[in-house]
All heavy atoms as atom14 arrays in JSON, in Angstrom:
{
  "sequence": "LGDRPIVIVGMMGAGKSSIGRRLAQALELTFVDSDDEIEKAANLT",
  "atom14_mask": [
    [1, 1, 1, 1, 1, 1, 1, 1, 0, 0, 0, 0, 0, 0],
    [1, 1, 1, 1, 0, 0, 0, 0, 0, 0, 0, 0, 0, 0],
    [1, 1, 1, 1, 1, 1, 1, 1, 0, 0, 0, 0, 0, 0],
    [1, 1, 1, 1, 1, 1, 1, 1, 1, 1, 1, 0, 0, 0],
    [1, 1, 1, 1, 1, 1, 1, 0, 0, 0, 0, 0, 0, 0],
    [1, 1, 1, 1, 1, 1, 1, 1, 0, 0, 0, 0, 0, 0],
    [1, 1, 1, 1, 1, 1, 1, 0, 0, 0, 0, 0, 0, 0],
    [1, 1, 1, 1, 1, 1, 1, 1, 0, 0, 0, 0, 0, 0],
    [1, 1, 1, 1, 1, 1, 1, 0, 0, 0, 0, 0, 0, 0],
    [1, 1, 1, 1, 0, 0, 0, 0, 0, 0, 0, 0, 0, 0],
    [1, 1, 1, 1, 1, 1, 1, 1, 0, 0, 0, 0, 0, 0],
    [1, 1, 1, 1, 1, 1, 1, 1, 0, 0, 0, 0, 0, 0],
    [1, 1, 1, 1, 0, 0, 0, 0, 0, 0, 0, 0, 0, 0],
    [1, 1, 1, 1, 1, 0, 0, 0, 0, 0, 0, 0, 0, 0],
    [1, 1, 1, 1, 0, 0, 0, 0, 0, 0, 0, 0, 0, 0],
    [1, 1, 1, 1, 1, 1, 1, 1, 1, 0, 0, 0, 0, 0],
    [1, 1, 1, 1, 1, 1, 0, 0, 0, 0, 0, 0, 0, 0],
    [1, 1, 1, 1, 1, 1, 0, 0, 0, 0, 0, 0, 0, 0],
    [1, 1, 1, 1, 1, 1, 1, 1, 0, 0, 0, 0, 0, 0],
    [1, 1, 1, 1, 0, 0, 0, 0, 0, 0, 0, 0, 0, 0],
    [1, 1, 1, 1, 1, 1, 1, 1, 1, 1, 1, 0, 0, 0],
    [1, 1, 1, 1, 1, 1, 1, 1, 1, 1, 1, 0, 0, 0],
    [1, 1, 1, 1, 1, 1, 1, 1, 0, 0, 0, 0, 0, 0],
    [1, 1, 1, 1, 1, 0, 0, 0, 0, 0, 0, 0, 0, 0],
    [1, 1, 1, 1, 1, 1, 1, 1, 1, 0, 0, 0, 0, 0],
    [1, 1, 1, 1, 1, 0, 0, 0, 0, 0, 0, 0, 0, 0],
    [1, 1, 1, 1, 1, 1, 1, 1, 0, 0, 0, 0, 0, 0],
    [1, 1, 1, 1, 1, 1, 1, 1, 1, 0, 0, 0, 0, 0],
    [1, 1, 1, 1, 1, 1, 1, 1, 0, 0, 0, 0, 0, 0],
    [1, 1, 1, 1, 1, 1, 1, 0, 0, 0, 0, 0, 0, 0],
    [1, 1, 1, 1, 1, 1, 1, 1, 1, 1, 1, 0, 0, 0],
    [1, 1, 1, 1, 1, 1, 1, 0, 0, 0, 0, 0, 0, 0],
    [1, 1, 1, 1, 1, 1, 1, 1, 0, 0, 0, 0, 0, 0],
    [1, 1, 1, 1, 1, 1, 0, 0, 0, 0, 0, 0, 0, 0],
    [1, 1, 1, 1, 1, 1, 1, 1, 0, 0, 0, 0, 0, 0],
    [1, 1, 1, 1, 1, 1, 1, 1, 0, 0, 0, 0, 0, 0],
    [1, 1, 1, 1, 1, 1, 1, 1, 1, 0, 0, 0, 0, 0],
    [1, 1, 1, 1, 1, 1, 1, 1, 0, 0, 0, 0, 0, 0],
    [1, 1, 1, 1, 1, 1, 1, 1, 1, 0, 0, 0, 0, 0],
    [1, 1, 1, 1, 1, 1, 1, 1, 1, 0, 0, 0, 0, 0],
    [1, 1, 1, 1, 1, 0, 0, 0, 0, 0, 0, 0, 0, 0],
    [1, 1, 1, 1, 1, 0, 0, 0, 0, 0, 0, 0, 0, 0],
    [1, 1, 1, 1, 1, 1, 1, 1, 0, 0, 0, 0, 0, 0],
    [1, 1, 1, 1, 1, 1, 1, 1, 0, 0, 0, 0, 0, 0],
    [1, 1, 1, 1, 1, 1, 1, 0, 0, 0, 0, 0, 0, 0]
  ],
  "atom14_positions": [
    [[3.87, 4.53, 16.5], [2.75, 4.5, 15.56], [1.46, 4.09, 16.24], [0.38, 4.57, 15.88], [3.04, 3.53, 14.41], [3.87, 4.02, 13.24], [4.22, 2.85, 12.34], [3.15, 5.11, 12.47], [0.0, 0.0, 0.0], [0.0, 0.0, 0.0], [0.0, 0.0, 0.0], [0.0, 0.0, 0.0], [0.0, 0.0, 0.0], [0.0, 0.0, 0.0]],
    [[1.56, 3.2, 17.19], [0.36, 2.68, 17.84], [-0.5, 1.92, 16.85], [-0.02, 1.07, 16.11], [0.0, 0.0, 0.0], [0.0, 0.0, 0.0], [0.0, 0.0, 0.0], [0.0, 0.0, 0.0], [0.0, 0.0, 0.0], [0.0, 0.0, 0.0], [0.0, 0.0, 0.0], [0.0, 0.0, 0.0], [0.0, 0.0, 0.0], [0.0, 0.0, 0.0]],
    [[-1.8, 2.26, 16.81], [-2.73, 1.58, 15.91], [-2.83, 2.26, 14.55], [-3.65, 1.86, 13.72], [-4.14, 1.53, 16.54], [-4.19, 0.58, 17.73], [-3.39, -0.38, 17.74], [-5.01, 0.8, 18.63], [0.0, 0.0, 0.0], [0.0, 0.0, 0.0], [0.0, 0.0, 0.0], [0.0, 0.0, 0.0], [0.0, 0.0, 0.0], [0.0, 0.0, 0.0]],
    [[-2.03, 3.29, 14.31], [-2.14, 4.02, 13.06], [-1.44, 3.29, 11.92], [-0.37, 2.72, 12.11], [-1.5, 5.41, 13.19], [-2.23, 6.37, 14.09], [-1.5, 7.69, 14.15], [-0.19, 7.55, 14.77], [0.76, 8.49, 14.74], [0.55, 9.62, 14.07], [1.92, 8.29, 15.35], [0.0, 0.0, 0.0], [0.0, 0.0, 0.0], [0.0, 0.0, 0.0]],
    [[-2.01, 3.34, 10.71], [-1.29, 2.86, 9.54], [-0.35, 3.93, 9.02], [-0.44, 5.11, 9.39], [-2.42, 2.59, 8.54], [-3.46, 3.59, 8.89], [-3.39, 3.76, 10.4], [0.0, 0.0, 0.0], [0.0, 0.0, 0.0], [0.0, 0.0, 0.0], [0.0, 0.0, 0.0], [0.0, 0.0, 0.0], [0.0, 0.0, 0.0], [0.0, 0.0, 0.0]],
    [[0.56, 3.53, 8.15], [1.38, 4.45, 7.37], [0.78, 4.5, 5.97], [0.53, 3.45, 5.36], [2.83, 3.95, 7.29], [3.44, 3.87, 8.69], [3.68, 4.87, 6.4], [4.72, 3.05, 8.74], [0.0, 0.0, 0.0], [0.0, 0.0, 0.0], [0.0, 0.0, 0.0], [0.0, 0.0, 0.0], [0.0, 0.0, 0.0], [0.0, 0.0, 0.0]],
    [[0.54, 5.69, 5.47], [-0.07, 5.86, 4.15], [0.95, 6.49, 3.21], [1.54, 7.53, 3.54], [-1.34, 6.72, 4.23], [-1.83, 7.08, 2.83], [-2.43, 5.99, 5.0], [0.0, 0.0, 0.0], [0.0, 0.0, 0.0], [0.0, 0.0, 0.0], [0.0, 0.0, 0.0], [0.0, 0.0, 0.0], [0.0, 0.0, 0.0], [0.0, 0.0, 0.0]],
    [[1.17, 5.86, 2.06], [2.11, 6.36, 1.06], [1.32, 7.02, -0.06], [0.44, 6.4, -0.66], [2.97, 5.22, 0.46], [3.57, 4.34, 1.57], [4.05, 5.8, -0.44], [4.58, 5.02, 2.43], [0.0, 0.0, 0.0], [0.0, 0.0, 0.0], [0.0, 0.0, 0.0], [0.0, 0.0, 0.0], [0.0, 0.0, 0.0], [0.0, 0.0, 0.0]],
    [[1.63, 8.3, -0.34], [0.95, 9.02, -1.41], [1.98, 9.52, -2.42], [3.18, 9.57, -2.13], [0.12, 10.21, -0.86], [-0.88, 9.73, 0.19], [1.02, 11.29, -0.27], [0.0, 0.0, 0.0], [0.0, 0.0, 0.0], [0.0, 0.0, 0.0], [0.0, 0.0, 0.0], [0.0, 0.0, 0.0], [0.0, 0.0, 0.0], [0.0, 0.0, 0.0]],
    [[1.5, 9.88, -3.59], [2.38, 10.4, -4.63], [1.84, 10.08, -6.01], [0.84, 9.37, -6.17], [0.0, 0.0, 0.0], [0.0, 0.0, 0.0], [0.0, 0.0, 0.0], [0.0, 0.0, 0.0], [0.0, 0.0, 0.0], [0.0, 0.0, 0.0], [0.0, 0.0, 0.0], [0.0, 0.0, 0.0], [0.0, 0.0, 0.0], [0.0, 0.0, 0.0]],
    [[2.5, 10.61, -7.01], [2.08, 10.42, -8.4], [2.24, 8.97, -8.85], [3.02, 8.21, -8.29], [2.93, 11.31, -9.31], [2.6, 12.79, -9.24], [0.96, 13.18, -9.91], [1.16, 12.66, -11.61], [0.0, 0.0, 0.0], [0.0, 0.0, 0.0], [0.0, 0.0, 0.0], [0.0, 0.0, 0.0], [0.0, 0.0, 0.0], [0.0, 0.0, 0.0]],
    [[1.49, 8.62, -9.9], [1.73, 7.34, -10.56], [3.19, 7.3, -11.01], [3.73, 8.28, -11.53], [0.8, 7.19, -11.77], [1.01, 8.21, -12.87], [-0.15, 8.05, -14.25], [-1.44, 9.15, -13.7], [0.0, 0.0, 0.0], [0.0, 0.0, 0.0], [0.0, 0.0, 0.0], [0.0, 0.0, 0.0], [0.0, 0.0, 0.0], [0.0, 0.0, 0.0]],
    [[3.85, 6.19, -10.73], [5.26, 6.07, -11.07], [6.21, 6.51, -9.98], [7.43, 6.39, -10.14], [0.0, 0.0, 0.0], [0.0, 0.0, 0.0], [0.0, 0.0, 0.0], [0.0, 0.0, 0.0], [0.0, 0.0, 0.0], [0.0, 0.0, 0.0], [0.0, 0.0, 0.0], [0.0, 0.0, 0.0], [0.0, 0.0, 0.0], [0.0, 0.0, 0.0]],
    [[5.69, 6.98, -8.85], [6.56, 7.43, -7.77], [7.19, 6.26, -7.0], [8.15, 6.46, -6.25], [5.8, 8.33, -6.8], [0.0, 0.0, 0.0], [0.0, 0.0, 0.0], [0.0, 0.0, 0.0], [0.0, 0.0, 0.0], [0.0, 0.0, 0.0], [0.0, 0.0, 0.0], [0.0, 0.0, 0.0], [0.0, 0.0, 0.0], [0.0, 0.0, 0.0]],
    [[6.65, 5.06, -7.18], [7.19, 3.9, -6.48], [6.45, 3.56, -5.21], [7.0, 2.89, -4.33], [0.0, 0.0, 0.0], [0.0, 0.0, 0.0], [0.0, 0.0, 0.0], [0.0, 0.0, 0.0], [0.0, 0.0, 0.0], [0.0, 0.0, 0.0], [0.0, 0.0, 0.0], [0.0, 0.0, 0.0], [0.0, 0.0, 0.0], [0.0, 0.0, 0.0]],
    [[5.2, 3.99, -5.09], [4.46, 3.81, -3.84], [4.32, 2.34, -3.45], [4.48, 1.99, -2.29], [3.08, 4.46, -3.95], [3.11, 5.97, -4.21], [1.73, 6.57, -4.23], [0.83, 6.02, -5.31], [1.3, 6.41, -6.68], [0.0, 0.0, 0.0], [0.0, 0.0, 0.0], [0.0, 0.0, 0.0], [0.0, 0.0, 0.0], [0.0, 0.0, 0.0]],
    [[4.0, 1.49, -4.43], [3.81, 0.07, -4.11], [5.12, -0.63, -3.79], [5.23, -1.36, -2.8], [3.09, -0.65, -5.26], [1.78, -0.17, -5.39], [0.0, 0.0, 0.0], [0.0, 0.0, 0.0], [0.0, 0.0, 0.0], [0.0, 0.0, 0.0], [0.0, 0.0, 0.0], [0.0, 0.0, 0.0], [0.0, 0.0, 0.0], [0.0, 0.0, 0.0]],
    [[6.14, -0.4, -4.62], [7.42, -1.09, -4.4], [8.08, -0.63, -3.11], [8.6, -1.44, -2.33], [8.36, -0.88, -5.6], [8.54, 0.49, -5.86], [0.0, 0.0, 0.0], [0.0, 0.0, 0.0], [0.0, 0.0, 0.0], [0.0, 0.0, 0.0], [0.0, 0.0, 0.0], [0.0, 0.0, 0.0], [0.0, 0.0, 0.0], [0.0, 0.0, 0.0]],
    [[8.05, 0.68, -2.85], [8.65, 1.18, -1.61], [7.77, 0.83, -0.42], [8.27, 0.43, 0.65], [8.87, 2.71, -1.69], [9.85, 3.04, -2.83], [9.37, 3.25, -0.35], [11.19, 2.37, -2.73], [0.0, 0.0, 0.0], [0.0, 0.0, 0.0], [0.0, 0.0, 0.0], [0.0, 0.0, 0.0], [0.0, 0.0, 0.0], [0.0, 0.0, 0.0]],
    [[6.46, 0.97, -0.59], [5.55, 0.64, 0.51], [5.68, -0.8, 0.96], [5.68, -1.1, 2.16], [0.0, 0.0, 0.0], [0.0, 0.0, 0.0], [0.0, 0.0, 0.0], [0.0, 0.0, 0.0], [0.0, 0.0, 0.0], [0.0, 0.0, 0.0], [0.0, 0.0, 0.0], [0.0, 0.0, 0.0], [0.0, 0.0, 0.0], [0.0, 0.0, 0.0]],
    [[5.81, -1.7, -0.02], [5.95, -3.12, 0.33], [7.23, -3.37, 1.12], [7.23, -4.1, 2.12], [5.94, -3.95, -0.95], [5.92, -5.45, -0.72], [5.73, -6.2, -2.02], [4.36, -6.07, -2.52], [4.0, -5.31, -3.55], [4.9, -4.59, -4.2], [2.74, -5.27, -3.93], [0.0, 0.0, 0.0], [0.0, 0.0, 0.0], [0.0, 0.0, 0.0]],
    [[8.31, -2.74, 0.71], [9.59, -2.93, 1.41], [9.61, -2.23, 2.76], [10.22, -2.72, 3.71], [10.74, -2.44, 0.51], [10.99, -3.35, -0.67], [11.87, -2.7, -1.72], [12.25, -3.64, -2.77], [11.47, -3.96, -3.79], [10.26, -3.42, -3.89], [11.88, -4.83, -4.7], [0.0, 0.0, 0.0], [0.0, 0.0, 0.0], [0.0, 0.0, 0.0]],
    [[8.95, -1.09, 2.86], [8.84, -0.41, 4.16], [8.04, -1.28, 5.13], [8.4, -1.39, 6.32], [8.17, 0.95, 3.97], [7.97, 1.79, 5.24], [9.31, 2.13, 5.88], [7.2, 3.07, 4.92], [0.0, 0.0, 0.0], [0.0, 0.0, 0.0], [0.0, 0.0, 0.0], [0.0, 0.0, 0.0], [0.0, 0.0, 0.0], [0.0, 0.0, 0.0]],
    [[6.99, -1.9, 4.64], [6.2, -2.8, 5.49], [7.05, -3.97, 5.98], [6.98, -4.36, 7.15], [4.99, -3.32, 4.71], [0.0, 0.0, 0.0], [0.0, 0.0, 0.0], [0.0, 0.0, 0.0], [0.0, 0.0, 0.0], [0.0, 0.0, 0.0], [0.0, 0.0, 0.0], [0.0, 0.0, 0.0], [0.0, 0.0, 0.0], [0.0, 0.0, 0.0]],
    [[7.88, -4.51, 5.09], [8.76, -5.61, 5.5], [9.74, -5.15, 6.57], [10.0, -5.87, 7.54], [9.5, -6.17, 4.3], [8.62, -6.91, 3.31], [9.35, -7.32, 2.05], [10.44, -6.84, 1.76], [8.75, -8.23, 1.28], [0.0, 0.0, 0.0], [0.0, 0.0, 0.0], [0.0, 0.0, 0.0], [0.0, 0.0, 0.0], [0.0, 0.0, 0.0]],
    [[10.29, -3.95, 6.4], [11.25, -3.44, 7.38], [10.61, -3.27, 8.75], [11.25, -3.5, 9.78], [11.83, -2.11, 6.9], [0.0, 0.0, 0.0], [0.0, 0.0, 0.0], [0.0, 0.0, 0.0], [0.0, 0.0, 0.0], [0.0, 0.0, 0.0], [0.0, 0.0, 0.0], [0.0, 0.0, 0.0], [0.0, 0.0, 0.0], [0.0, 0.0, 0.0]],
    [[9.34, -2.85, 8.75], [8.63, -2.61, 10.01], [7.86, -3.84, 10.49], [7.2, -3.79, 11.54], [7.65, -1.44, 9.83], [8.3, -0.07, 9.62], [7.27, 0.92, 9.1], [8.93, 0.42, 10.92], [0.0, 0.0, 0.0], [0.0, 0.0, 0.0], [0.0, 0.0, 0.0], [0.0, 0.0, 0.0], [0.0, 0.0, 0.0], [0.0, 0.0, 0.0]],
    [[7.94, -4.93, 9.72], [7.22, -6.16, 10.02], [5.72, -5.9, 10.14], [5.05, -6.34, 11.07], [7.79, -6.82, 11.29], [9.25, -7.2, 11.14], [9.83, -7.88, 12.38], [9.11, -7.97, 13.39], [10.98, -8.33, 12.32], [0.0, 0.0, 0.0], [0.0, 0.0, 0.0], [0.0, 0.0, 0.0], [0.0, 0.0, 0.0], [0.0, 0.0, 0.0]],
    [[5.2, -5.18, 9.14], [3.79, -4.88, 9.04], [3.24, -5.45, 7.74], [3.98, -5.79, 6.83], [3.55, -3.36, 9.06], [3.92, -2.61, 10.34], [3.76, -1.11, 10.13], [3.06, -3.07, 11.51], [0.0, 0.0, 0.0], [0.0, 0.0, 0.0], [0.0, 0.0, 0.0], [0.0, 0.0, 0.0], [0.0, 0.0, 0.0], [0.0, 0.0, 0.0]],
    [[1.91, -5.53, 7.63], [1.25, -5.94, 6.4], [1.23, -4.76, 5.42], [1.12, -3.61, 5.82], [-0.19, -6.38, 6.71], [-0.16, -7.51, 7.58], [-0.95, -6.74, 5.44], [0.0, 0.0, 0.0], [0.0, 0.0, 0.0], [0.0, 0.0, 0.0], [0.0, 0.0, 0.0], [0.0, 0.0, 0.0], [0.0, 0.0, 0.0], [0.0, 0.0, 0.0]],
    [[1.36, -5.07, 4.14], [1.25, -4.05, 3.09], [-0.04, -4.23, 2.32], [-0.44, -5.34, 1.99], [2.43, -4.15, 2.11], [2.26, -3.28, 0.9], [2.46, -1.92, 0.98], [1.86, -3.82, -0.32], [2.29, -1.1, -0.12], [1.69, -3.02, -1.43], [1.9, -1.64, -1.33], [0.0, 0.0, 0.0], [0.0, 0.0, 0.0], [0.0, 0.0, 0.0]],
    [[-0.7, -3.1, 2.01], [-1.94, -3.12, 1.23], [-1.86, -2.04, 0.16], [-1.5, -0.89, 0.45], [-3.18, -2.85, 2.12], [-4.45, -2.92, 1.29], [-3.24, -3.83, 3.28], [0.0, 0.0, 0.0], [0.0, 0.0, 0.0], [0.0, 0.0, 0.0], [0.0, 0.0, 0.0], [0.0, 0.0, 0.0], [0.0, 0.0, 0.0], [0.0, 0.0, 0.0]],
    [[-2.19, -2.41, -1.06], [-2.3, -1.46, -2.17], [-3.78, -1.14, -2.36], [-4.57, -2.05, -2.65], [-1.7, -2.07, -3.43], [-1.63, -1.1, -4.6], [-2.63, -0.38, -4.82], [-0.6, -1.05, -5.27], [0.0, 0.0, 0.0], [0.0, 0.0, 0.0], [0.0, 0.0, 0.0], [0.0, 0.0, 0.0], [0.0, 0.0, 0.0], [0.0, 0.0, 0.0]],
    [[-4.17, 0.12, -2.2], [-5.59, 0.46, -2.28], [-6.18, 0.16, -3.65], [-7.34, -0.22, -3.75], [-5.82, 1.93, -1.91], [-5.27, 2.8, -2.88], [0.0, 0.0, 0.0], [0.0, 0.0, 0.0], [0.0, 0.0, 0.0], [0.0, 0.0, 0.0], [0.0, 0.0, 0.0], [0.0, 0.0, 0.0], [0.0, 0.0, 0.0], [0.0, 0.0, 0.0]],
    [[-5.38, 0.3, -4.7], [-5.88, 0.0, -6.04], [-6.26, -1.48, -6.15], [-7.29, -1.82, -6.76], [-4.84, 0.35, -7.1], [-4.79, 1.84, -7.41], [-5.67, 2.59, -6.91], [-3.87, 2.26, -8.13], [0.0, 0.0, 0.0], [0.0, 0.0, 0.0], [0.0, 0.0, 0.0], [0.0, 0.0, 0.0], [0.0, 0.0, 0.0], [0.0, 0.0, 0.0]],
    [[-5.46, -2.35, -5.57], [-5.78, -3.78, -5.59], [-7.07, -4.06, -4.84], [-7.89, -4.88, -5.25], [-4.64, -4.59, -4.98], [-3.41, -4.64, -5.86], [-3.52, -4.3, -7.05], [-2.33, -5.01, -5.35], [0.0, 0.0, 0.0], [0.0, 0.0, 0.0], [0.0, 0.0, 0.0], [0.0, 0.0, 0.0], [0.0, 0.0, 0.0], [0.0, 0.0, 0.0]],
    [[-7.25, -3.36, -3.72], [-8.47, -3.56, -2.92], [-9.7, -3.05, -3.66], [-10.79, -3.63, -3.56], [-8.33, -2.85, -1.58], [-7.24, -3.42, -0.69], [-7.47, -4.88, -0.34], [-8.57, -5.21, 0.15], [-6.56, -5.71, -0.59], [0.0, 0.0, 0.0], [0.0, 0.0, 0.0], [0.0, 0.0, 0.0], [0.0, 0.0, 0.0], [0.0, 0.0, 0.0]],
    [[-9.55, -1.96, -4.41], [-10.67, -1.45, -5.22], [-11.05, -2.46, -6.29], [-12.24, -2.73, -6.54], [-10.27, -0.11, -5.86], [-10.11, 0.97, -4.78], [-11.31, 0.34, -6.9], [-9.37, 2.2, -5.26], [0.0, 0.0, 0.0], [0.0, 0.0, 0.0], [0.0, 0.0, 0.0], [0.0, 0.0, 0.0], [0.0, 0.0, 0.0], [0.0, 0.0, 0.0]],
    [[-10.04, -3.06, -6.94], [-10.32, -4.05, -7.97], [-11.03, -5.27, -7.39], [-11.95, -5.82, -8.0], [-9.02, -4.46, -8.66], [-8.42, -3.34, -9.52], [-7.19, -3.78, -10.28], [-6.53, -4.74, -9.85], [-6.9, -3.15, -11.32], [0.0, 0.0, 0.0], [0.0, 0.0, 0.0], [0.0, 0.0, 0.0], [0.0, 0.0, 0.0], [0.0, 0.0, 0.0]],
    [[-10.61, -5.68, -6.19], [-11.28, -6.81, -5.54], [-12.74, -6.48, -5.25], [-13.64, -7.29, -5.47], [-10.57, -7.17, -4.24], [-9.22, -7.82, -4.4], [-8.63, -8.09, -3.02], [-7.21, -8.6, -3.11], [-6.61, -8.79, -1.75], [0.0, 0.0, 0.0], [0.0, 0.0, 0.0], [0.0, 0.0, 0.0], [0.0, 0.0, 0.0], [0.0, 0.0, 0.0]],
    [[-12.99, -5.29, -4.71], [-14.36, -4.89, -4.35], [-15.26, -4.81, -5.57], [-16.44, -5.16, -5.51], [-14.33, -3.55, -3.6], [0.0, 0.0, 0.0], [0.0, 0.0, 0.0], [0.0, 0.0, 0.0], [0.0, 0.0, 0.0], [0.0, 0.0, 0.0], [0.0, 0.0, 0.0], [0.0, 0.0, 0.0], [0.0, 0.0, 0.0], [0.0, 0.0, 0.0]],
    [[-14.71, -4.32, -6.69], [-15.51, -4.15, -7.9], [-15.52, -5.38, -8.79], [-16.35, -5.47, -9.71], [-14.98, -2.95, -8.7], [0.0, 0.0, 0.0], [0.0, 0.0, 0.0], [0.0, 0.0, 0.0], [0.0, 0.0, 0.0], [0.0, 0.0, 0.0], [0.0, 0.0, 0.0], [0.0, 0.0, 0.0], [0.0, 0.0, 0.0], [0.0, 0.0, 0.0]],
    [[-14.61, -6.3, -8.54], [-14.42, -7.46, -9.42], [-14.14, -7.02, -10.86], [-14.57, -7.67, -11.81], [-15.63, -8.39, -9.36], [-15.31, -9.79, -9.87], [-14.17, -10.26, -9.76], [-16.3, -10.47, -10.42], [0.0, 0.0, 0.0], [0.0, 0.0, 0.0], [0.0, 0.0, 0.0], [0.0, 0.0, 0.0], [0.0, 0.0, 0.0], [0.0, 0.0, 0.0]],
    [[-13.43, -5.9, -10.98], [-13.03, -5.35, -12.26], [-11.64, -4.75, -12.11], [-11.27, -4.34, -11.01], [-13.99, -4.25, -12.72], [-15.43, -4.61, -13.05], [-16.26, -3.33, -13.2], [-15.51, -5.45, -14.33], [0.0, 0.0, 0.0], [0.0, 0.0, 0.0], [0.0, 0.0, 0.0], [0.0, 0.0, 0.0], [0.0, 0.0, 0.0], [0.0, 0.0, 0.0]],
    [[-10.89, -4.67, -13.2], [-9.62, -3.94, -13.15], [-9.93, -2.44, -13.15], [-11.02, -2.01, -13.55], [-8.73, -4.27, -14.35], [-9.35, -3.77, -15.54], [-8.5, -5.78, -14.46], [0.0, 0.0, 0.0], [0.0, 0.0, 0.0], [0.0, 0.0, 0.0], [0.0, 0.0, 0.0], [0.0, 0.0, 0.0], [0.0, 0.0, 0.0], [0.0, 0.0, 0.0]]
  ]
}
């Protein structure tokens, strides 16, 4: 992978966050949910 991130895409309900978080744990990487980051940036849900 080098410096590249892994990006999980798919429909709402596909399990992107739950699977992404566990994939990150398996690879010993940090997990980030873009929706959470958008909410932080906007200070709104």
